[in-house]
Protein backbone atom coordinates (compact mmCIF):
# COMPACT_ATOMS: atom_id res chain seq x y z
CA MET A 1 79.46 63.87 116.93
CA ILE A 2 78.40 60.06 117.93
CA GLU A 3 77.64 57.93 114.97
CA ASP A 4 74.63 56.18 114.25
CA LYS A 5 76.23 52.70 113.82
CA ASN A 6 72.62 51.70 112.16
CA PRO A 7 71.56 54.73 110.05
CA GLN A 8 68.77 54.02 107.57
CA ARG A 9 69.69 53.75 104.21
CA THR A 10 67.27 54.43 101.09
CA SER A 11 68.60 53.67 97.99
CA ILE A 12 68.28 57.10 95.80
CA ALA A 13 67.15 54.50 92.72
CA GLN A 14 63.90 54.07 94.30
CA LEU A 15 62.73 57.27 94.30
CA GLY A 16 64.06 58.05 90.85
CA GLU A 17 65.07 61.42 89.35
CA PHE A 18 61.84 63.41 89.55
CA GLY A 19 60.79 61.91 93.11
CA LEU A 20 64.16 62.75 94.60
CA ILE A 21 63.67 66.51 93.42
CA GLU A 22 60.01 66.26 94.50
CA HIS A 23 61.22 64.79 97.90
CA LEU A 24 64.27 67.05 98.66
CA THR A 25 62.43 70.96 97.11
CA LYS A 26 59.32 70.62 99.22
CA ASN A 27 60.09 72.02 102.02
CA PHE A 28 61.03 75.33 100.09
CA ASP A 29 59.18 78.54 100.37
CA VAL A 30 58.75 81.07 98.34
CA THR A 31 59.40 84.72 99.72
CA GLN A 32 60.79 87.50 97.05
CA GLU A 33 58.58 89.55 94.89
CA SER A 34 61.10 89.02 92.31
CA THR A 35 60.10 85.48 91.68
CA LEU A 36 57.36 85.09 89.41
CA LYS A 37 57.58 81.15 89.01
CA SER A 38 59.70 78.87 91.18
CA ILE A 39 60.57 74.65 91.06
CA GLY A 40 58.20 73.17 89.00
CA ASP A 41 58.27 74.33 85.22
CA ASP A 42 60.87 73.79 82.74
CA ALA A 43 62.73 77.24 84.42
CA ALA A 44 61.90 79.93 86.71
CA VAL A 45 60.49 83.27 85.66
CA LEU A 46 61.83 86.51 87.68
CA ASP A 47 61.17 90.02 87.63
CA PHE A 48 63.41 92.66 88.71
CA LYS A 49 61.35 95.77 87.21
CA ASP A 50 64.32 98.58 87.49
CA LYS A 51 66.96 97.09 89.37
CA LYS A 52 70.42 95.74 88.19
CA VAL A 53 70.61 91.71 88.44
CA VAL A 54 73.84 90.31 89.95
CA VAL A 55 74.67 86.28 89.29
CA SER A 56 77.06 84.03 90.79
CA THR A 57 78.01 80.97 90.57
CA ASP A 58 80.47 77.92 92.79
CA LEU A 59 81.35 74.72 92.06
CA LEU A 60 81.99 72.18 95.51
CA ILE A 61 83.56 69.15 94.87
CA GLU A 62 84.13 66.14 97.34
CA GLY A 63 88.20 66.14 98.07
CA VAL A 64 89.06 69.33 96.84
CA HIS A 65 86.59 71.97 98.46
CA PHE A 66 85.39 69.89 101.71
CA ASP A 67 86.46 66.66 103.71
CA LEU A 68 83.39 64.94 105.11
CA ALA A 69 85.34 62.66 107.63
CA TYR A 70 84.63 66.28 109.19
CA MET A 71 82.08 67.51 107.45
CA PRO A 72 78.51 66.97 108.60
CA LEU A 73 76.54 67.65 105.15
CA LYS A 74 73.98 70.03 106.78
CA HIS A 75 76.99 72.35 107.39
CA LEU A 76 78.21 71.51 103.91
CA GLY A 77 74.67 72.45 102.49
CA TYR A 78 74.74 75.72 104.86
CA LYS A 79 78.24 76.49 104.00
CA SER A 80 77.56 75.78 100.27
CA VAL A 81 74.92 78.57 100.24
CA VAL A 82 77.09 81.22 102.40
CA VAL A 83 79.63 80.76 99.92
CA ASN A 84 77.86 81.78 96.78
CA ILE A 85 75.59 84.75 98.65
CA SER A 86 78.68 86.16 100.10
CA ASP A 87 79.87 87.23 96.11
CA ILE A 88 76.56 88.99 96.19
CA CYS A 89 77.01 90.88 99.47
CA ALA A 90 80.43 91.66 97.35
CA MET A 91 78.98 93.57 94.99
CA ASN A 92 76.73 95.54 97.80
CA ALA A 93 73.60 93.80 95.99
CA ARG A 94 70.64 92.07 98.17
CA PRO A 95 70.57 88.36 97.18
CA THR A 96 67.35 87.35 96.24
CA GLN A 97 67.51 83.81 94.79
CA ILE A 98 69.58 80.42 94.43
CA THR A 99 69.72 77.65 92.21
CA VAL A 100 71.12 74.04 93.32
CA SER A 101 72.62 71.14 91.46
CA VAL A 102 73.84 68.09 93.11
CA ALA A 103 75.65 64.85 91.80
CA VAL A 104 75.84 62.32 93.73
CA SER A 105 77.57 58.90 94.10
CA ASN A 106 75.52 55.56 94.52
CA ARG A 107 77.44 55.77 98.48
CA PHE A 108 74.82 58.25 99.20
CA PRO A 109 71.49 56.52 100.73
CA LEU A 110 68.32 59.24 100.46
CA GLU A 111 69.21 59.92 104.22
CA ALA A 112 72.29 61.58 103.69
CA LEU A 113 70.69 64.05 100.75
CA GLU A 114 68.32 64.93 103.54
CA GLU A 115 70.83 66.18 105.57
CA LEU A 116 72.38 68.25 103.03
CA PHE A 117 69.36 69.71 101.64
CA GLU A 118 68.16 70.35 105.42
CA GLY A 119 71.37 72.60 105.69
CA ILE A 120 70.71 74.09 101.91
CA THR A 121 67.01 74.92 103.21
CA HIS A 122 68.30 76.41 106.71
CA ALA A 123 70.40 78.70 104.98
CA ALA A 124 67.74 79.84 102.19
CA LYS A 125 65.36 80.91 105.07
CA GLU A 126 68.08 82.83 107.20
CA TYR A 127 68.97 84.99 104.30
CA LYS A 128 65.60 84.83 103.09
CA VAL A 129 66.50 83.70 99.43
CA ASP A 130 63.97 81.57 97.25
CA VAL A 131 65.81 78.36 95.82
CA ILE A 132 64.06 78.54 92.52
CA GLY A 133 65.53 75.86 90.44
CA GLY A 134 68.19 73.21 89.73
CA ASP A 135 69.25 69.93 88.83
CA THR A 136 70.31 66.01 90.11
CA THR A 137 72.61 63.76 88.71
CA SER A 138 74.70 60.65 89.29
CA SER A 139 78.37 61.25 89.91
CA GLN A 140 81.37 58.52 89.28
CA LYS A 141 82.94 59.88 92.77
CA GLY A 142 81.79 61.53 95.52
CA LEU A 143 79.11 64.33 95.69
CA ILE A 144 79.39 67.66 93.67
CA ILE A 145 77.73 70.43 94.37
CA SER A 146 76.67 73.95 92.07
CA ILE A 147 74.78 76.51 93.15
CA THR A 148 74.39 79.78 91.55
CA ALA A 149 73.26 83.22 93.64
CA ILE A 150 71.05 85.83 92.17
CA GLY A 151 71.04 89.00 93.60
CA GLU A 152 69.55 92.85 92.76
CA ALA A 153 70.49 96.26 93.28
CA ASN A 154 70.36 99.85 92.09
CA GLU A 155 73.04 100.37 89.26
CA GLU A 156 74.18 103.01 91.48
CA GLU A 157 74.57 101.01 94.51
CA LEU A 158 76.79 98.24 92.77
CA VAL A 159 80.36 98.30 93.73
CA TYR A 160 83.12 97.00 91.47
CA ARG A 161 86.67 95.80 92.20
CA ASN A 162 88.11 98.20 89.64
CA GLY A 163 87.01 101.51 91.80
CA ALA A 164 89.60 102.04 94.31
CA LYS A 165 91.95 105.45 94.01
CA GLN A 166 95.21 106.27 95.18
CA THR A 167 94.39 107.56 98.22
CA ASP A 168 91.42 105.46 99.12
CA LEU A 169 91.81 103.66 102.69
CA LEU A 170 90.86 99.61 102.89
CA VAL A 171 88.75 98.49 105.41
CA VAL A 172 87.84 95.19 106.38
CA THR A 173 84.75 93.54 107.93
CA GLY A 174 85.26 91.38 111.33
CA ASP A 175 88.54 89.11 111.52
CA ILE A 176 90.50 87.34 109.51
CA GLY A 177 92.28 83.94 109.79
CA ALA A 178 90.08 82.12 111.86
CA ALA A 179 88.08 79.66 109.33
CA TYR A 180 91.79 78.63 108.31
CA MET A 181 93.26 77.78 111.40
CA GLY A 182 89.63 75.72 112.02
CA LEU A 183 90.72 73.31 109.42
CA GLN A 184 94.02 72.79 110.71
CA VAL A 185 92.88 71.82 113.97
CA LEU A 186 90.01 69.48 111.83
CA GLU A 187 93.09 68.29 110.13
CA ARG A 188 94.87 67.08 112.85
CA GLU A 189 92.08 65.07 114.84
CA LYS A 190 91.28 63.37 111.67
CA GLN A 191 94.66 62.25 111.35
CA VAL A 192 94.64 61.39 115.49
CA PHE A 193 91.37 59.53 114.70
CA GLN A 194 93.24 57.39 112.03
CA VAL A 195 95.73 56.15 114.14
CA ASN A 196 93.28 55.53 116.93
CA PRO A 197 89.70 55.49 116.02
CA ASN A 198 88.11 55.27 119.51
CA SER A 199 89.98 58.81 120.86
CA GLN A 200 87.32 61.50 121.58
CA PRO A 201 88.43 65.02 120.20
CA ASP A 202 88.14 67.73 123.01
CA LEU A 203 87.39 70.58 120.40
CA ASP A 204 85.64 73.52 122.68
CA MET A 205 88.66 75.54 122.90
CA TYR A 206 88.56 75.69 119.31
CA SER A 207 85.00 76.18 119.07
CA TYR A 208 84.83 79.71 117.34
CA LEU A 209 87.56 78.69 114.72
CA ILE A 210 85.65 75.12 113.86
CA GLU A 211 82.44 77.16 113.53
CA ARG A 212 84.39 79.74 111.22
CA GLN A 213 85.76 76.81 109.11
CA LEU A 214 82.31 74.55 108.87
CA LYS A 215 79.44 77.27 108.94
CA PRO A 216 80.65 80.74 108.09
CA GLU A 217 78.11 83.42 107.30
CA ALA A 218 78.04 85.76 104.33
CA ARG A 219 78.06 89.17 105.74
CA LYS A 220 74.36 90.57 104.76
CA ASP A 221 74.44 93.07 106.86
CA VAL A 222 77.40 95.15 105.65
CA ARG A 223 75.63 96.79 103.06
CA THR A 224 72.90 98.14 105.53
CA LEU A 225 75.29 99.39 107.84
CA LEU A 226 77.32 101.47 105.18
CA HIS A 227 73.77 102.44 103.91
CA ALA A 228 73.47 104.31 107.57
CA LEU A 229 76.97 105.36 107.87
CA GLU A 230 76.41 106.87 104.24
CA ILE A 231 79.29 105.44 102.54
CA LYS A 232 79.60 103.86 99.41
CA PRO A 233 82.98 101.39 99.02
CA THR A 234 84.71 102.65 96.34
CA SER A 235 85.69 98.74 95.33
CA MET A 236 84.85 95.63 97.12
CA ILE A 237 85.97 91.47 97.28
CA ASP A 238 84.86 88.65 99.63
CA ILE A 239 87.49 87.16 101.32
CA SER A 240 87.48 84.00 100.22
CA ASP A 241 91.28 82.87 98.56
CA GLY A 242 92.72 84.96 101.66
CA LEU A 243 93.60 88.62 102.07
CA SER A 244 96.82 89.04 100.46
CA SER A 245 95.46 87.78 97.16
CA GLU A 246 91.76 89.45 97.44
CA ILE A 247 93.89 92.83 97.66
CA ILE A 248 96.12 91.91 94.61
CA HIS A 249 92.49 91.75 92.45
CA LEU A 250 91.61 94.96 93.91
CA CYS A 251 94.83 96.74 93.10
CA LYS A 252 95.56 94.96 89.71
CA GLN A 253 91.76 95.70 88.50
CA SER A 254 91.68 99.66 90.07
CA LYS A 255 95.42 99.98 88.52
CA VAL A 256 96.96 100.90 92.13
CA GLY A 257 99.47 99.86 94.51
CA CYS A 258 98.64 99.17 98.79
CA ASN A 259 100.04 99.42 101.91
CA LEU A 260 98.47 97.11 104.24
CA TYR A 261 100.01 97.29 108.30
CA GLU A 262 100.88 94.24 109.89
CA ASP A 263 99.97 95.58 113.33
CA LYS A 264 95.89 96.41 111.71
CA LEU A 265 94.91 93.32 111.07
CA PRO A 266 91.97 92.30 112.89
CA LEU A 267 92.60 88.95 114.64
CA ASP A 268 90.44 86.70 117.43
CA PRO A 269 92.17 85.92 120.21
CA GLN A 270 91.57 82.28 120.15
CA PHE A 271 92.96 82.12 116.66
CA ILE A 272 96.25 83.72 117.66
CA SER A 273 96.57 81.23 120.89
CA THR A 274 95.75 78.62 118.50
CA CYS A 275 98.89 79.47 115.89
CA GLU A 276 101.00 79.75 119.26
CA GLU A 277 99.99 76.35 119.57
CA PHE A 278 100.93 75.16 116.24
CA ASN A 279 103.98 76.83 116.00
CA ILE A 280 102.36 79.28 113.06
CA ASP A 281 102.96 82.66 112.23
CA SER A 282 99.58 84.27 112.84
CA THR A 283 100.15 87.19 110.26
CA THR A 284 100.95 84.50 107.94
CA VAL A 285 98.39 82.51 108.03
CA ALA A 286 95.76 85.88 108.70
CA ILE A 287 97.04 86.79 105.23
CA ASN A 288 96.62 84.21 103.32
CA GLY A 289 94.19 81.62 104.91
CA GLY A 290 91.12 82.18 103.32
CA GLU A 291 87.58 81.23 103.80
CA ASP A 292 86.89 84.11 105.99
CA TYR A 293 83.76 85.35 103.78
CA GLU A 294 84.66 88.62 105.40
CA LEU A 295 84.25 91.73 103.39
CA LEU A 296 87.18 93.96 102.18
CA PHE A 297 86.80 96.91 100.17
CA THR A 298 87.89 100.59 99.94
CA ILE A 299 86.41 103.76 101.10
CA ASP A 300 86.97 107.55 100.10
CA ILE A 301 89.65 108.89 102.27
CA ASN A 302 87.21 111.57 103.71
CA ASP A 303 84.82 108.89 104.89
CA PHE A 304 87.19 108.44 107.81
CA ASP A 305 85.47 109.95 110.66
CA LYS A 306 82.26 108.12 109.57
CA ILE A 307 83.67 104.63 110.25
CA LYS A 308 86.45 105.47 112.88
CA GLY A 309 85.92 103.21 115.94
CA ASN A 310 82.99 101.29 114.59
CA PRO A 311 83.33 97.65 115.59
CA ASN A 312 82.31 95.90 112.78
CA PHE A 313 84.95 97.80 110.70
CA SER A 314 89.13 97.72 110.71
CA VAL A 315 90.99 100.15 108.78
CA ILE A 316 94.00 97.86 108.04
CA GLY A 317 95.58 99.87 105.58
CA HIS A 318 95.83 102.13 102.59
CA MET A 319 96.05 102.19 98.61
CA ALA A 320 98.98 103.99 96.66
CA ASP A 321 100.14 104.84 93.61
CA GLU A 322 100.67 101.59 90.95
CA SER A 323 104.79 102.90 90.78
CA GLU A 324 104.64 102.00 94.66
CA GLY A 325 104.03 98.28 94.54
CA ILE A 326 101.78 96.49 96.82
CA HIS A 327 103.26 95.57 100.28
CA LEU A 328 102.73 94.44 103.84
CA VAL A 329 104.17 97.08 106.32
CA THR A 330 105.66 94.97 109.36
CA ARG A 331 105.35 95.48 112.71
CA ALA A 332 108.83 96.69 112.80
CA ASN A 333 108.37 99.27 109.88
CA THR A 334 110.24 97.26 106.72
CA LYS A 335 108.23 96.39 103.79
CA ILE A 336 107.92 93.13 102.21
CA ALA A 337 105.72 92.70 98.83
CA LEU A 338 102.74 91.12 98.80
CA LYS A 339 102.33 87.68 97.12
CA ALA A 340 99.23 85.99 96.47
CA ARG A 341 99.63 82.48 98.63
CA GLY A 342 96.15 81.89 99.27
CA TRP A 343 93.71 79.10 98.08
CA ASP A 344 93.92 77.94 94.72
CA ALA A 345 91.94 75.01 93.07
CA LEU A 346 94.20 74.57 89.95
CA SER A 347 97.54 74.68 92.08
CA GLU A 348 99.55 71.11 91.90
């Protein structure tokens, strides 16, 4: 990415809060039937009629959740929407609206916020959600983004974390671990740049991993895929903190045990080769990495034939009696107790 040495810098103070909100929200369209009143009043008005409403909120803080040294603002805007949409998808619901709140320090000109909101607008159009409100304020330090996502579903469609049964199969969408290795590549290149600012990184061989880190996608397609297969998961969660953490969440809430099989983990070839280059164990990264935003769910064992051989899904384990505990079964057929070593924003 070529840096503009003389970028235009318009002070946010020139517009004022209301002028800024009007400027940043002018490209948002209303497409959902459930949106009766969007931006422009004291509150939005929604009507979901007989549907259940699903709500989720995430907070993203500079220096904790993202590093602007390698995260373009447009990508950050897009990703901040995706991580919230993913939570709605994990409930087997359809995302419909979001609110966007941003706190910025005076080091960010108007052009930076335009770039951020370009990404937000792109994500809203991609996922067909209405941006119905939010807030802007000043920050003493850095950039803070808070997004609330809203979705809808019929009551019988909703899937919770607490419905897994002892004989259920454990299934994951896509592949896992790539986002974490993308982060490792970006962190390495940042360190190289700090030593030698003239170095130009060649990241072509890591393109998939970097895309998974900088521009992840929520699995909005899974709801439709499972409906077509006539499968309703018994429990579900999205993989944001790491596979091991999410399995433990499902097990604790459903009061079951689990056996996860190492040889069944879906890993991308680029991920495997990069783990070898970094001398990191691929299984350790795959189960602890996080930020994959794939969906992890359980299905009744009788639904196995419906899902068998489907390229969108991998059966990676099965649930067990709670007394059996939660284990990784290695390729050598030994059992290792699974621990939550994934992302924890409050860890020291």
